[in-house]
Amino acid sequence: LGNAYQSLGEYQRAITFHEQHNEIARAIGDRGGEANSLGSLGNAYQSLGEYQRAITFHEQSLEIARAIGDRHGAARSLIALSQLHHACGRPREGFSAAMAANQIFQELDLPLEAWILPKWVKSTVKFAQRGQVQLVSCALIGLLAFPFALIGLIGLLGWRLLVGRFRR
């Protein structure tokens, strides 16, 4: 029920149900359920913008996942921590957590679909994995697109500087 209320944007109600799930999981000794409920609490508090509190819940979830040997759960917690650290202005910690999660995914030898990556990254990787022709075409498109992106970025910065001088 907590996830349902969270998807509806009723975060306080979701938190109530996630807390109940956590209490029940603790009472019956379900460490996996406890880790899941803590992760869900972290997600709910992240939705409310309470990032530090969300980090605390995801760190607790990560600790339990590691203790019970749930590597996939640990990777999910690390991905959430990565996003939260970035949101809090700590990109170094965020990058470190994301790299640790990706390392776990590689070690688990999960298919690309199971990885927590943007859809466009997965599509690009799948296309490049088809063969050498596709890999070379991806590399060439990247090489051709980079100068245009750089020129566009420089043009945008120049425009903002120019407009900023005239507004004064």
C-alpha atoms as a PDB file:
ATOM      1  CA  LEU A   1       0.000   0.000   0.000  1.00  0.00           C
ATOM      2  CA  GLY A   2       2.898   2.327   0.713  1.00  0.00           C
ATOM      3  CA  ASN A   3       4.117   2.114  -2.872  1.00  0.00           C
ATOM      4  CA  ALA A   4       0.587   2.720  -4.183  1.00  0.00           C
ATOM      5  CA  TYR A   5       0.188   5.872  -2.101  1.00  0.00           C
ATOM      6  CA  GLN A   6       3.655   7.005  -3.089  1.00  0.00           C
ATOM      7  CA  SER A   7       2.821   6.667  -6.786  1.00  0.00           C
ATOM      8  CA  LEU A   8      -0.272   8.796  -6.116  1.00  0.00           C
ATOM      9  CA  GLY A   9       1.898  11.488  -4.531  1.00  0.00           C
ATOM     10  CA  GLU A  10       0.505  10.944  -1.037  1.00  0.00           C
ATOM     11  CA  TYR A  11       3.906  10.656   0.585  1.00  0.00           C
ATOM     12  CA  GLN A  12       2.895  11.023   4.249  1.00  0.00           C
ATOM     13  CA  ARG A  13       0.372   8.237   3.877  1.00  0.00           C
ATOM     14  CA  ALA A  14       2.964   6.132   2.071  1.00  0.00           C
ATOM     15  CA  ILE A  15       5.411   6.715   4.927  1.00  0.00           C
ATOM     16  CA  THR A  16       2.841   5.451   7.421  1.00  0.00           C
ATOM     17  CA  PHE A  17       2.443   2.177   5.514  1.00  0.00           C
ATOM     18  CA  HIS A  18       6.210   1.799   4.949  1.00  0.00           C
ATOM     19  CA  GLU A  19       6.753   2.251   8.696  1.00  0.00           C
ATOM     20  CA  GLN A  20       4.128  -0.428   9.418  1.00  0.00           C
ATOM     21  CA  HIS A  21       5.866  -2.738   6.950  1.00  0.00           C
ATOM     22  CA  ASN A  22       9.155  -2.080   8.711  1.00  0.00           C
ATOM     23  CA  GLU A  23       7.681  -2.853  12.136  1.00  0.00           C
ATOM     24  CA  ILE A  24       6.137  -6.109  10.907  1.00  0.00           C
ATOM     25  CA  ALA A  25       9.330  -7.178   9.138  1.00  0.00           C
ATOM     26  CA  ARG A  26      11.349  -6.549  12.312  1.00  0.00           C
ATOM     27  CA  ALA A  27       8.826  -8.395  14.473  1.00  0.00           C
ATOM     28  CA  ILE A  28       8.950 -11.547  12.354  1.00  0.00           C
ATOM     29  CA  GLY A  29      12.694 -11.349  11.695  1.00  0.00           C
ATOM     30  CA  ASP A  30      12.389 -10.719   7.945  1.00  0.00           C
ATOM     31  CA  ARG A  31      15.654  -8.850   7.313  1.00  0.00           C
ATOM     32  CA  GLY A  32      15.003  -8.632   3.550  1.00  0.00           C
ATOM     33  CA  GLY A  33      11.593  -7.104   4.160  1.00  0.00           C
ATOM     34  CA  GLU A  34      13.145  -4.707   6.638  1.00  0.00           C
ATOM     35  CA  ALA A  35      15.721  -3.615   4.056  1.00  0.00           C
ATOM     36  CA  ASN A  36      12.982  -3.147   1.446  1.00  0.00           C
ATOM     37  CA  SER A  37      10.820  -1.089   3.794  1.00  0.00           C
ATOM     38  CA  LEU A  38      13.782   1.111   4.726  1.00  0.00           C
ATOM     39  CA  GLY A  39      14.518   1.677   1.039  1.00  0.00           C
ATOM     40  CA  SER A  40      10.870   2.565   0.457  1.00  0.00           C
ATOM     41  CA  LEU A  41      10.990   5.028   3.356  1.00  0.00           C
ATOM     42  CA  GLY A  42      14.093   6.548   1.797  1.00  0.00           C
ATOM     43  CA  ASN A  43      12.289   6.919  -1.525  1.00  0.00           C
ATOM     44  CA  ALA A  44       9.303   8.582   0.144  1.00  0.00           C
ATOM     45  CA  TYR A  45      11.466  11.069   2.015  1.00  0.00           C
ATOM     46  CA  GLN A  46      13.398  11.757  -1.184  1.00  0.00           C
ATOM     47  CA  SER A  47      10.097  12.624  -2.857  1.00  0.00           C
ATOM     48  CA  LEU A  48       9.417  15.067  -0.024  1.00  0.00           C
ATOM     49  CA  GLY A  49      12.827  16.683  -0.548  1.00  0.00           C
ATOM     50  CA  GLU A  50      14.143  15.502   2.817  1.00  0.00           C
ATOM     51  CA  TYR A  51      17.370  14.204   1.322  1.00  0.00           C
ATOM     52  CA  GLN A  52      19.406  13.734   4.484  1.00  0.00           C
ATOM     53  CA  ARG A  53      16.668  11.673   6.097  1.00  0.00           C
ATOM     54  CA  ALA A  54      16.347   9.651   2.879  1.00  0.00           C
ATOM     55  CA  ILE A  55      20.104   9.013   2.922  1.00  0.00           C
ATOM     56  CA  THR A  56      19.833   7.674   6.471  1.00  0.00           C
ATOM     57  CA  PHE A  57      17.143   5.165   5.464  1.00  0.00           C
ATOM     58  CA  HIS A  58      18.994   4.043   2.334  1.00  0.00           C
ATOM     59  CA  GLU A  59      22.218   3.600   4.320  1.00  0.00           C
ATOM     60  CA  GLN A  60      20.338   1.380   6.804  1.00  0.00           C
ATOM     61  CA  SER A  61      18.858  -0.582   3.898  1.00  0.00           C
ATOM     62  CA  LEU A  62      22.332  -0.984   2.376  1.00  0.00           C
ATOM     63  CA  GLU A  63      23.758  -2.213   5.681  1.00  0.00           C
ATOM     64  CA  ILE A  64      21.075  -4.897   6.010  1.00  0.00           C
ATOM     65  CA  ALA A  65      21.352  -5.931   2.356  1.00  0.00           C
ATOM     66  CA  ARG A  66      25.096  -6.436   2.784  1.00  0.00           C
ATOM     67  CA  ALA A  67      24.591  -8.336   6.043  1.00  0.00           C
ATOM     68  CA  ILE A  68      22.157 -10.826   4.485  1.00  0.00           C
ATOM     69  CA  GLY A  69      24.106 -11.139   1.228  1.00  0.00           C
ATOM     70  CA  ASP A  70      21.497  -9.444  -0.974  1.00  0.00           C
ATOM     71  CA  ARG A  71      23.857  -7.962  -3.567  1.00  0.00           C
ATOM     72  CA  HIS A  72      21.080  -6.792  -5.884  1.00  0.00           C
ATOM     73  CA  GLY A  73      19.411  -5.004  -2.957  1.00  0.00           C
ATOM     74  CA  ALA A  74      22.753  -3.444  -2.029  1.00  0.00           C
ATOM     75  CA  ALA A  75      23.168  -2.190  -5.594  1.00  0.00           C
ATOM     76  CA  ARG A  76      19.664  -0.662  -5.543  1.00  0.00           C
ATOM     77  CA  SER A  77      20.495   1.124  -2.287  1.00  0.00           C
ATOM     78  CA  LEU A  78      23.764   2.383  -3.742  1.00  0.00           C
ATOM     79  CA  ILE A  79      21.983   3.769  -6.811  1.00  0.00           C
ATOM     80  CA  ALA A  80      19.514   5.609  -4.554  1.00  0.00           C
ATOM     81  CA  LEU A  81      22.389   6.938  -2.446  1.00  0.00           C
ATOM     82  CA  SER A  82      24.136   8.079  -5.608  1.00  0.00           C
ATOM     83  CA  GLN A  83      21.121  10.139  -6.663  1.00  0.00           C
ATOM     84  CA  LEU A  84      20.697  11.590  -3.185  1.00  0.00           C
ATOM     85  CA  HIS A  85      24.343  12.588  -2.824  1.00  0.00           C
ATOM     86  CA  HIS A  86      24.167  14.334  -6.188  1.00  0.00           C
ATOM     87  CA  ALA A  87      20.995  16.143  -5.076  1.00  0.00           C
ATOM     88  CA  CYS A  88      22.790  17.266  -1.897  1.00  0.00           C
ATOM     89  CA  GLY A  89      25.717  18.691  -3.854  1.00  0.00           C
ATOM     90  CA  ARG A  90      28.139  15.881  -3.043  1.00  0.00           C
ATOM     91  CA  PRO A  91      28.985  14.536  -6.517  1.00  0.00           C
ATOM     92  CA  ARG A  92      32.098  12.679  -5.369  1.00  0.00           C
ATOM     93  CA  GLU A  93      30.109  10.508  -2.945  1.00  0.00           C
ATOM     94  CA  GLY A  94      27.378  10.108  -5.559  1.00  0.00           C
ATOM     95  CA  PHE A  95      29.829   8.960  -8.209  1.00  0.00           C
ATOM     96  CA  SER A  96      31.464   6.551  -5.778  1.00  0.00           C
ATOM     97  CA  ALA A  97      28.112   4.970  -4.873  1.00  0.00           C
ATOM     98  CA  ALA A  98      27.122   4.660  -8.550  1.00  0.00           C
ATOM     99  CA  MET A  99      30.428   3.006  -9.420  1.00  0.00           C
ATOM    100  CA  ALA A 100      30.028   0.542  -6.542  1.00  0.00           C
ATOM    101  CA  ALA A 101      26.508  -0.309  -7.761  1.00  0.00           C
ATOM    102  CA  ASN A 102      27.687  -0.823 -11.329  1.00  0.00           C
ATOM    103  CA  GLN A 103      30.504  -3.060 -10.058  1.00  0.00           C
ATOM    104  CA  ILE A 104      27.937  -5.232  -8.278  1.00  0.00           C
ATOM    105  CA  PHE A 105      25.777  -5.399 -11.411  1.00  0.00           C
ATOM    106  CA  GLN A 106      28.800  -6.504 -13.439  1.00  0.00           C
ATOM    107  CA  GLU A 107      29.762  -9.140 -10.890  1.00  0.00           C
ATOM    108  CA  LEU A 108      26.189 -10.468 -10.816  1.00  0.00           C
ATOM    109  CA  ASP A 109      26.382 -10.757 -14.619  1.00  0.00           C
ATOM    110  CA  LEU A 110      22.880  -9.360 -14.947  1.00  0.00           C
ATOM    111  CA  PRO A 111      21.497  -8.604 -18.389  1.00  0.00           C
ATOM    112  CA  LEU A 112      21.632  -4.987 -19.489  1.00  0.00           C
ATOM    113  CA  GLU A 113      17.875  -4.619 -18.918  1.00  0.00           C
ATOM    114  CA  ALA A 114      18.365  -5.169 -15.176  1.00  0.00           C
ATOM    115  CA  TRP A 115      20.889  -2.352 -14.860  1.00  0.00           C
ATOM    116  CA  ILE A 116      19.666   0.968 -13.560  1.00  0.00           C
ATOM    117  CA  LEU A 117      20.658   3.103 -16.521  1.00  0.00           C
ATOM    118  CA  PRO A 118      18.757   5.611 -18.641  1.00  0.00           C
ATOM    119  CA  LYS A 119      16.905   4.025 -21.551  1.00  0.00           C
ATOM    120  CA  TRP A 120      18.973   5.890 -24.160  1.00  0.00           C
ATOM    121  CA  VAL A 121      22.197   4.441 -22.700  1.00  0.00           C
ATOM    122  CA  LYS A 122      20.801   0.908 -22.843  1.00  0.00           C
ATOM    123  CA  SER A 123      19.664   1.440 -26.447  1.00  0.00           C
ATOM    124  CA  THR A 124      23.079   2.752 -27.466  1.00  0.00           C
ATOM    125  CA  VAL A 125      24.879  -0.151 -25.812  1.00  0.00           C
ATOM    126  CA  LYS A 126      22.545  -2.701 -27.410  1.00  0.00           C
ATOM    127  CA  PHE A 127      23.087  -1.109 -30.828  1.00  0.00           C
ATOM    128  CA  ALA A 128      26.867  -1.106 -30.385  1.00  0.00           C
ATOM    129  CA  GLN A 129      26.835  -4.753 -29.258  1.00  0.00           C
ATOM    130  CA  ARG A 130      25.260  -5.926 -32.520  1.00  0.00           C
ATOM    131  CA  GLY A 131      28.559  -5.951 -34.372  1.00  0.00           C
ATOM    132  CA  GLN A 132      31.604  -4.054 -35.529  1.00  0.00           C
ATOM    133  CA  VAL A 133      29.717  -1.976 -38.084  1.00  0.00           C
ATOM    134  CA  GLN A 134      27.322  -0.685 -35.437  1.00  0.00           C
ATOM    135  CA  LEU A 135      30.167  -0.052 -32.980  1.00  0.00           C
ATOM    136  CA  VAL A 136      32.117   1.928 -35.567  1.00  0.00           C
ATOM    137  CA  SER A 137      29.001   3.895 -36.543  1.00  0.00           C
ATOM    138  CA  CYS A 138      28.389   4.805 -32.870  1.00  0.00           C
ATOM    139  CA  ALA A 139      31.976   5.991 -32.541  1.00  0.00           C
ATOM    140  CA  LEU A 140      31.784   8.057 -35.749  1.00  0.00           C
ATOM    141  CA  ILE A 141      28.471   9.646 -34.761  1.00  0.00           C
ATOM    142  CA  GLY A 142      29.983  10.536 -31.388  1.00  0.00           C
ATOM    143  CA  LEU A 143      33.025  12.083 -33.035  1.00  0.00           C
ATOM    144  CA  LEU A 144      30.893  14.071 -35.456  1.00  0.00           C
ATOM    145  CA  ALA A 145      28.394  15.221 -32.841  1.00  0.00           C
ATOM    146  CA  PHE A 146      30.967  16.434 -30.302  1.00  0.00           C
ATOM    147  CA  PRO A 147      32.166  19.538 -32.220  1.00  0.00           C
ATOM    148  CA  PHE A 148      28.586  20.642 -32.873  1.00  0.00           C
ATOM    149  CA  ALA A 149      27.658  20.207 -29.228  1.00  0.00           C
ATOM    150  CA  LEU A 150      30.758  22.163 -28.190  1.00  0.00           C
ATOM    151  CA  ILE A 151      29.991  24.977 -30.633  1.00  0.00           C
ATOM    152  CA  GLY A 152      26.384  25.081 -29.413  1.00  0.00           C
ATOM    153  CA  LEU A 153      27.503  25.292 -25.793  1.00  0.00           C
ATOM    154  CA  ILE A 154      29.972  28.093 -26.546  1.00  0.00           C
ATOM    155  CA  GLY A 155      27.296  29.935 -28.524  1.00  0.00           C
ATOM    156  CA  LEU A 156      24.824  29.633 -25.664  1.00  0.00           C
ATOM    157  CA  LEU A 157      27.357  30.915 -23.133  1.00  0.00           C
ATOM    158  CA  GLY A 158      28.269  33.796 -25.426  1.00  0.00           C
ATOM    159  CA  TRP A 159      24.615  34.717 -25.895  1.00  0.00           C
ATOM    160  CA  ARG A 160      23.998  34.713 -22.145  1.00  0.00           C
ATOM    161  CA  LEU A 161      27.031  36.933 -21.560  1.00  0.00           C
ATOM    162  CA  LEU A 162      25.942  39.326 -24.306  1.00  0.00           C
ATOM    163  CA  VAL A 163      22.352  39.549 -23.049  1.00  0.00           C
ATOM    164  CA  GLY A 164      23.600  39.969 -19.470  1.00  0.00           C
ATOM    165  CA  ARG A 165      25.697  43.024 -20.426  1.00  0.00           C
ATOM    166  CA  PHE A 166      22.769  44.768 -22.100  1.00  0.00           C
ATOM    167  CA  ARG A 167      20.443  44.227 -19.153  1.00  0.00           C
ATOM    168  CA  ARG A 168      22.668  46.175 -16.791  1.00  0.00           C
END
